[in-house]
């Protein structure tokens, strides 16, 4: 009887932990994603965007990075990573907004995001930012995908992506 109770308590603890983690993810996503009624006036696409039917590796099915300027002067950074059916973890090792200062691209550190993953084959990211005017901006990221390889070993692949520029 003690063994049954122990197993029941263990399972309840595991399920409660999973619910807490899931609730934390939803809260984080609502902080990252904001809505706006403003219209898009300019779009910069990633140079390494992959279409869903243009499978280029055993890891990535579709990837994109996009930087958009709204009519109120905000920028929207959007990224998507979709792995093949064997992928069990994917996302971004980083997504960064960069600006051109004195002829050199530098990270605008207020808008740099790291280790954005999901334990599935897809990850979507979208954030509205309000950087200062008077600069050229671009977004950069590194798409990430991971799949099992012989037991506990994992096989990983990373794919860099960079958008064209937008002037504010």
Protein backbone atom coordinates (compact mmCIF):
# COMPACT_ATOMS: atom_id res chain seq x y z
CA UNK A 1 0.00 0.00 0.00
CA UNK A 2 2.87 2.38 0.81
CA UNK A 3 4.35 1.73 -2.60
CA UNK A 4 1.07 2.66 -4.31
CA UNK A 5 0.82 5.89 -2.28
CA UNK A 6 4.46 6.72 -3.03
CA UNK A 7 3.92 6.22 -6.74
CA UNK A 8 0.75 8.32 -6.63
CA UNK A 9 2.51 11.18 -4.80
CA UNK A 10 5.46 11.00 -7.19
CA UNK A 11 3.17 11.22 -10.24
CA UNK A 12 1.22 14.12 -8.70
CA UNK A 13 4.49 15.97 -8.08
CA UNK A 14 5.65 15.42 -11.67
CA UNK A 15 2.33 16.59 -13.15
CA UNK A 16 2.27 19.68 -10.92
CA UNK A 17 5.82 20.56 -11.98
CA UNK A 18 4.89 20.29 -15.66
CA UNK A 19 1.89 22.58 -15.17
CA UNK A 20 4.03 25.19 -13.41
CA UNK A 21 6.60 25.13 -16.22
CA UNK A 22 3.87 25.42 -18.88
CA UNK A 23 2.28 28.36 -17.04
CA UNK A 24 5.65 30.07 -16.89
CA UNK A 25 6.10 29.67 -20.66
CA UNK A 26 2.69 31.20 -21.34
CA UNK A 27 3.47 34.16 -19.10
CA UNK A 28 6.84 34.67 -20.80
CA UNK A 29 5.25 34.53 -24.26
CA UNK A 30 2.62 37.10 -23.31
CA UNK A 31 5.38 39.45 -22.15
CA UNK A 32 7.29 39.00 -25.42
CA UNK A 33 4.32 39.23 -27.76
CA UNK A 34 2.46 42.53 -27.83
CA UNK A 35 -0.18 43.67 -30.22
CA UNK A 36 -0.44 46.86 -32.19
CA UNK A 37 -2.96 48.41 -34.52
CA UNK A 38 -0.19 50.10 -36.51
CA UNK A 39 0.45 49.10 -40.10
CA UNK A 40 3.68 47.65 -41.49
CA UNK A 41 5.49 50.18 -43.70
CA UNK A 42 8.74 48.29 -44.45
CA UNK A 43 9.92 44.67 -44.23
CA UNK A 44 13.44 43.20 -44.18
CA UNK A 45 13.60 39.45 -44.81
CA UNK A 46 16.27 37.03 -43.65
CA UNK A 47 18.89 36.12 -46.22
CA UNK A 48 18.83 32.44 -45.17
CA UNK A 49 15.06 31.96 -44.95
CA UNK A 50 14.06 28.42 -45.99
CA UNK A 51 10.68 27.57 -47.48
CA UNK A 52 8.79 24.58 -46.09
CA UNK A 53 9.15 22.58 -49.28
CA UNK A 54 12.84 23.40 -49.79
CA UNK A 55 14.29 20.97 -47.27
CA UNK A 56 18.00 21.75 -47.12
CA UNK A 57 19.11 19.50 -44.29
CA UNK A 58 18.08 16.56 -42.15
CA UNK A 59 17.21 19.03 -39.37
CA UNK A 60 15.42 22.10 -40.75
CA UNK A 61 12.19 22.05 -42.70
CA UNK A 62 11.44 25.77 -42.60
CA UNK A 63 13.14 28.83 -41.07
CA UNK A 64 12.62 32.55 -41.29
CA UNK A 65 13.73 35.80 -39.70
CA UNK A 66 11.95 39.08 -40.40
CA UNK A 67 12.36 42.69 -39.28
CA UNK A 68 9.42 45.02 -39.87
CA UNK A 69 8.93 48.75 -39.32
CA UNK A 70 5.50 49.97 -38.23
CA UNK A 71 3.91 53.31 -39.02
CA UNK A 72 4.48 54.43 -35.42
CA UNK A 73 8.26 53.81 -35.61
CA UNK A 74 8.40 50.49 -33.76
CA UNK A 75 10.29 47.49 -35.09
CA UNK A 76 8.91 43.95 -35.01
CA UNK A 77 11.37 41.05 -34.87
CA UNK A 78 9.81 37.74 -35.90
CA UNK A 79 11.53 34.37 -36.12
CA UNK A 80 10.44 30.83 -36.83
CA UNK A 81 12.25 27.52 -36.76
CA UNK A 82 10.59 24.29 -37.87
CA UNK A 83 12.53 21.07 -37.72
CA UNK A 84 11.93 17.82 -39.53
CA UNK A 85 9.76 15.19 -37.84
CA UNK A 86 12.77 13.65 -36.04
CA UNK A 87 13.66 16.94 -34.29
CA UNK A 88 12.81 16.96 -30.57
CA UNK A 89 14.16 20.40 -29.59
CA UNK A 90 14.42 23.52 -31.70
CA UNK A 91 14.47 27.28 -31.55
CA UNK A 92 17.15 29.94 -31.45
CA UNK A 93 20.50 30.13 -29.68
CA UNK A 94 20.10 33.90 -30.03
CA UNK A 95 18.04 36.59 -31.73
CA UNK A 96 19.62 40.05 -31.72
CA UNK A 97 18.81 43.49 -33.00
CA UNK A 98 21.89 45.23 -34.37
CA UNK A 99 22.41 48.85 -35.36
CA UNK A 100 25.00 50.53 -37.54
CA UNK A 101 27.22 52.86 -35.49
CA UNK A 102 30.22 54.58 -37.12
CA UNK A 103 30.19 52.07 -39.98
CA UNK A 104 30.16 48.98 -37.71
CA UNK A 105 27.29 46.65 -36.81
CA UNK A 106 26.92 46.36 -33.02
CA UNK A 107 24.43 44.46 -30.86
CA UNK A 108 21.73 46.71 -29.43
CA UNK A 109 21.91 44.82 -26.12
CA UNK A 110 18.52 45.95 -24.83
CA UNK A 111 16.99 43.81 -27.58
CA UNK A 112 19.11 40.63 -27.51
CA UNK A 113 17.44 37.33 -26.61
CA UNK A 114 19.23 34.06 -25.84
CA UNK A 115 18.35 30.37 -25.53
CA UNK A 116 14.83 30.43 -26.94
CA UNK A 117 13.90 26.76 -27.34
CA UNK A 118 10.90 24.46 -27.33
CA UNK A 119 10.91 20.74 -26.71
CA UNK A 120 9.12 20.13 -29.99
CA UNK A 121 9.85 20.55 -33.68
CA UNK A 122 8.70 24.21 -33.92
CA UNK A 123 9.50 27.52 -32.24
CA UNK A 124 7.94 30.91 -32.99
CA UNK A 125 9.20 34.24 -31.63
CA UNK A 126 7.82 37.75 -32.03
CA UNK A 127 8.64 40.95 -30.17
CA UNK A 128 7.86 44.65 -30.64
CA UNK A 129 10.76 47.00 -29.84
CA UNK A 130 11.21 50.77 -29.78
CA UNK A 131 14.85 51.60 -30.53
CA UNK A 132 16.01 55.20 -31.12
CA UNK A 133 15.64 56.83 -34.54
CA UNK A 134 18.57 57.83 -36.70
CA UNK A 135 20.15 54.38 -37.18
CA UNK A 136 20.08 51.50 -39.64
CA UNK A 137 18.93 48.25 -38.02
CA UNK A 138 19.05 44.56 -38.88
CA UNK A 139 18.13 41.39 -37.01
CA UNK A 140 20.39 38.36 -36.71
CA UNK A 141 19.71 34.93 -35.28
CA UNK A 142 20.96 31.40 -35.10
CA UNK A 143 18.31 28.72 -35.74
CA UNK A 144 18.87 25.56 -33.69
CA UNK A 145 17.60 21.99 -34.07
CA UNK A 146 18.38 18.82 -32.13
CA UNK A 147 17.39 15.19 -32.59
CA UNK A 148 18.23 11.93 -30.82
CA UNK A 149 21.27 9.98 -31.91
CA UNK A 150 21.98 6.57 -30.35
CA UNK A 151 20.40 6.59 -26.90
CA UNK A 152 21.31 9.62 -24.80
CA UNK A 153 23.46 11.25 -27.48
CA UNK A 154 22.03 14.16 -29.46
CA UNK A 155 22.82 15.42 -32.92
CA UNK A 156 22.59 19.21 -33.33
CA UNK A 157 22.64 21.70 -36.16
CA UNK A 158 22.75 25.51 -36.19
CA UNK A 159 21.89 27.83 -39.07
CA UNK A 160 22.72 31.57 -38.95
CA UNK A 161 20.34 34.10 -40.48
CA UNK A 162 20.51 37.88 -41.05
CA UNK A 163 17.88 40.27 -42.36
CA UNK A 164 18.46 43.11 -44.75
CA UNK A 165 18.45 46.59 -43.15
CA UNK A 166 15.76 49.05 -42.13
CA UNK A 167 16.38 52.74 -41.45
CA UNK A 168 14.55 54.49 -38.63
